[in-house]
C-alpha cells in the first residue's frame, strides 16, 4: 500500500520495485510518518539507480524489533556525503529535491523510538530502519 503512490514514478523511470513483507504481524507505528519515511527512501532510491535499476522494500522481525529495509542497485553514496547524509539540505546527484528527505526519515523514525542506518557500496545502498516493540516513555 505504501509503495502504490510511487509505482507510476518508478514505471516512468524504468525502475523495478520488489516488495517483500516477510513480517506480516502487528506493530504499532504512526502510519502517516512511516509511510512518508518509506516514500522518501523509495523516491531517493529510484533517483539513484536510474533506468533499469532495482529497488526492494522488505520487513522482518529481528530480536523483538521490526526492521524495515529499502535497498537499491545504485552506485552507492560517496564518502564525502555520508557523514552529513541525514542533515537538512544535503543532497547529491539529483536534479530535483530540497535535501530534506533523509532529515525527515531520521526525525520521523526517531520520533517513534526507532533508529536508521545506512550501508552503501558501489553495488548499491541499503537503509535499515529498526523499531522496538515498546517505545520508552
Protein backbone atom coordinates (compact mmCIF):
# COMPACT_ATOMS: atom_id res chain seq x y z
CA UNK A 1 0.00 0.00 0.00
CA UNK A 2 2.77 2.42 0.89
CA UNK A 3 4.53 1.97 -2.44
CA UNK A 4 1.33 2.25 -4.51
CA UNK A 5 1.57 6.01 -4.94
CA UNK A 6 5.18 5.72 -6.09
CA UNK A 7 4.70 3.00 -8.70
CA UNK A 8 3.85 5.44 -11.55
CA UNK A 9 7.10 7.33 -10.88
CA UNK A 10 9.05 4.07 -10.89
CA UNK A 11 7.44 2.97 -14.13
CA UNK A 12 8.23 6.33 -15.72
CA UNK A 13 11.87 5.99 -14.62
CA UNK A 14 12.01 2.32 -15.71
CA UNK A 15 12.89 1.16 -12.20
CA UNK A 16 11.64 -2.19 -10.91
CA UNK A 17 10.25 -2.48 -7.39
CA UNK A 18 10.07 -5.60 -5.25
CA UNK A 19 8.06 -5.60 -2.02
CA UNK A 20 8.55 -8.50 0.39
CA UNK A 21 6.64 -8.20 3.69
CA UNK A 22 8.49 -11.02 5.48
CA UNK A 23 6.94 -9.79 8.72
CA UNK A 24 3.18 -9.60 8.40
CA UNK A 25 2.19 -9.30 12.05
CA UNK A 26 1.03 -6.32 14.06
CA UNK A 27 3.25 -3.43 15.09
CA UNK A 28 2.22 -0.06 16.48
CA UNK A 29 3.72 2.70 14.31
CA UNK A 30 2.48 6.09 13.19
CA UNK A 31 1.08 5.23 9.76
CA UNK A 32 1.46 8.64 8.12
CA UNK A 33 5.02 9.15 9.38
CA UNK A 34 6.11 5.63 8.46
CA UNK A 35 4.53 5.98 5.03
CA UNK A 36 6.38 9.26 4.47
CA UNK A 37 9.66 7.67 5.55
CA UNK A 38 9.27 4.76 3.13
CA UNK A 39 8.12 7.02 0.29
CA UNK A 40 11.15 9.28 0.78
CA UNK A 41 13.53 6.33 0.77
CA UNK A 42 11.97 4.71 -2.30
CA UNK A 43 11.96 8.02 -4.21
CA UNK A 44 15.64 8.56 -3.37
CA UNK A 45 16.47 5.01 -4.39
CA UNK A 46 14.65 5.42 -7.71
CA UNK A 47 16.60 8.60 -8.41
CA UNK A 48 19.88 6.88 -7.55
CA UNK A 49 19.51 3.74 -9.68
CA UNK A 50 18.38 5.21 -12.98
CA UNK A 51 16.67 3.30 -15.81
CA UNK A 52 16.88 -0.47 -15.45
CA UNK A 53 17.71 -0.23 -11.74
CA UNK A 54 16.06 -2.15 -8.95
CA UNK A 55 14.59 -1.10 -5.61
CA UNK A 56 13.47 -3.54 -2.93
CA UNK A 57 11.41 -2.89 0.20
CA UNK A 58 11.07 -5.55 2.85
CA UNK A 59 10.23 -6.03 6.50
CA UNK A 60 11.22 -8.59 9.08
CA UNK A 61 11.22 -9.13 12.82
CA UNK A 62 14.68 -9.44 14.32
CA UNK A 63 15.34 -9.91 18.05
CA UNK A 64 12.00 -8.38 19.01
CA UNK A 65 12.45 -5.40 16.72
CA UNK A 66 10.69 -4.58 13.47
CA UNK A 67 13.10 -3.93 10.65
CA UNK A 68 12.04 -2.07 7.51
CA UNK A 69 14.58 -2.05 4.69
CA UNK A 70 14.82 -0.12 1.43
CA UNK A 71 17.68 -1.14 -0.82
CA UNK A 72 18.75 -0.29 -4.33
CA UNK A 73 21.22 -1.26 -7.03
CA UNK A 74 22.55 2.27 -7.47
CA UNK A 75 26.19 3.38 -7.45
CA UNK A 76 26.35 3.93 -3.68
CA UNK A 77 26.73 7.09 -1.65
CA UNK A 78 30.10 8.89 -1.85
CA UNK A 79 32.14 9.13 1.35
CA UNK A 80 32.04 12.95 1.36
CA UNK A 81 28.23 12.90 1.50
CA UNK A 82 27.78 10.06 4.01
CA UNK A 83 28.83 11.92 7.15
CA UNK A 84 26.14 14.60 6.62
CA UNK A 85 23.57 12.39 4.96
CA UNK A 86 20.75 12.96 7.45
CA UNK A 87 21.32 16.71 7.82
CA UNK A 88 18.77 19.11 6.29
CA UNK A 89 19.51 20.42 2.79
CA UNK A 90 22.12 17.78 1.99
CA UNK A 91 21.61 16.39 -1.50
CA UNK A 92 23.78 14.67 -4.06
CA UNK A 93 23.40 13.95 -7.75
CA UNK A 94 19.67 14.72 -8.07
CA UNK A 95 18.07 17.30 -10.31
CA UNK A 96 15.05 17.74 -8.07
CA UNK A 97 14.60 17.78 -4.31
CA UNK A 98 15.45 20.02 -1.39
CA UNK A 99 17.72 17.76 0.61
CA UNK A 100 15.11 17.35 3.34
CA UNK A 101 14.03 13.77 2.57
CA UNK A 102 16.61 11.95 4.69
CA UNK A 103 16.38 14.51 7.52
CA UNK A 104 12.65 13.70 7.63
CA UNK A 105 13.41 9.97 7.52
CA UNK A 106 15.67 10.28 10.56
CA UNK A 107 13.35 12.57 12.53
CA UNK A 108 10.19 10.52 11.90
CA UNK A 109 11.97 7.26 12.67
CA UNK A 110 13.46 8.55 15.92
CA UNK A 111 10.11 10.08 16.97
CA UNK A 112 8.79 6.52 17.02
CA UNK A 113 11.69 5.22 19.12
CA UNK A 114 13.49 3.80 16.09
CA UNK A 115 16.89 4.12 14.54
CA UNK A 116 18.05 4.43 10.95
CA UNK A 117 21.37 3.38 9.48
CA UNK A 118 22.78 3.10 6.01
CA UNK A 119 25.02 0.55 4.34
CA UNK A 120 26.45 1.54 0.97
CA UNK A 121 28.92 0.32 -1.62
CA UNK A 122 29.41 0.70 -5.37
CA UNK A 123 26.91 -2.18 -5.74
CA UNK A 124 24.05 -0.34 -4.02
CA UNK A 125 22.67 1.21 -0.87
CA UNK A 126 20.53 -0.16 1.94
CA UNK A 127 18.64 1.90 4.53
CA UNK A 128 17.70 -0.10 7.63
CA UNK A 129 15.01 1.18 9.97
CA UNK A 130 14.75 -0.55 13.34
CA UNK A 131 11.73 -0.12 15.61
CA UNK A 132 11.38 -1.61 19.12
CA UNK A 133 8.11 -3.25 20.06
CA UNK A 134 7.75 -0.98 23.10
CA UNK A 135 8.58 2.71 22.87
CA UNK A 136 10.22 4.02 26.05
CA UNK A 137 8.28 6.90 27.58
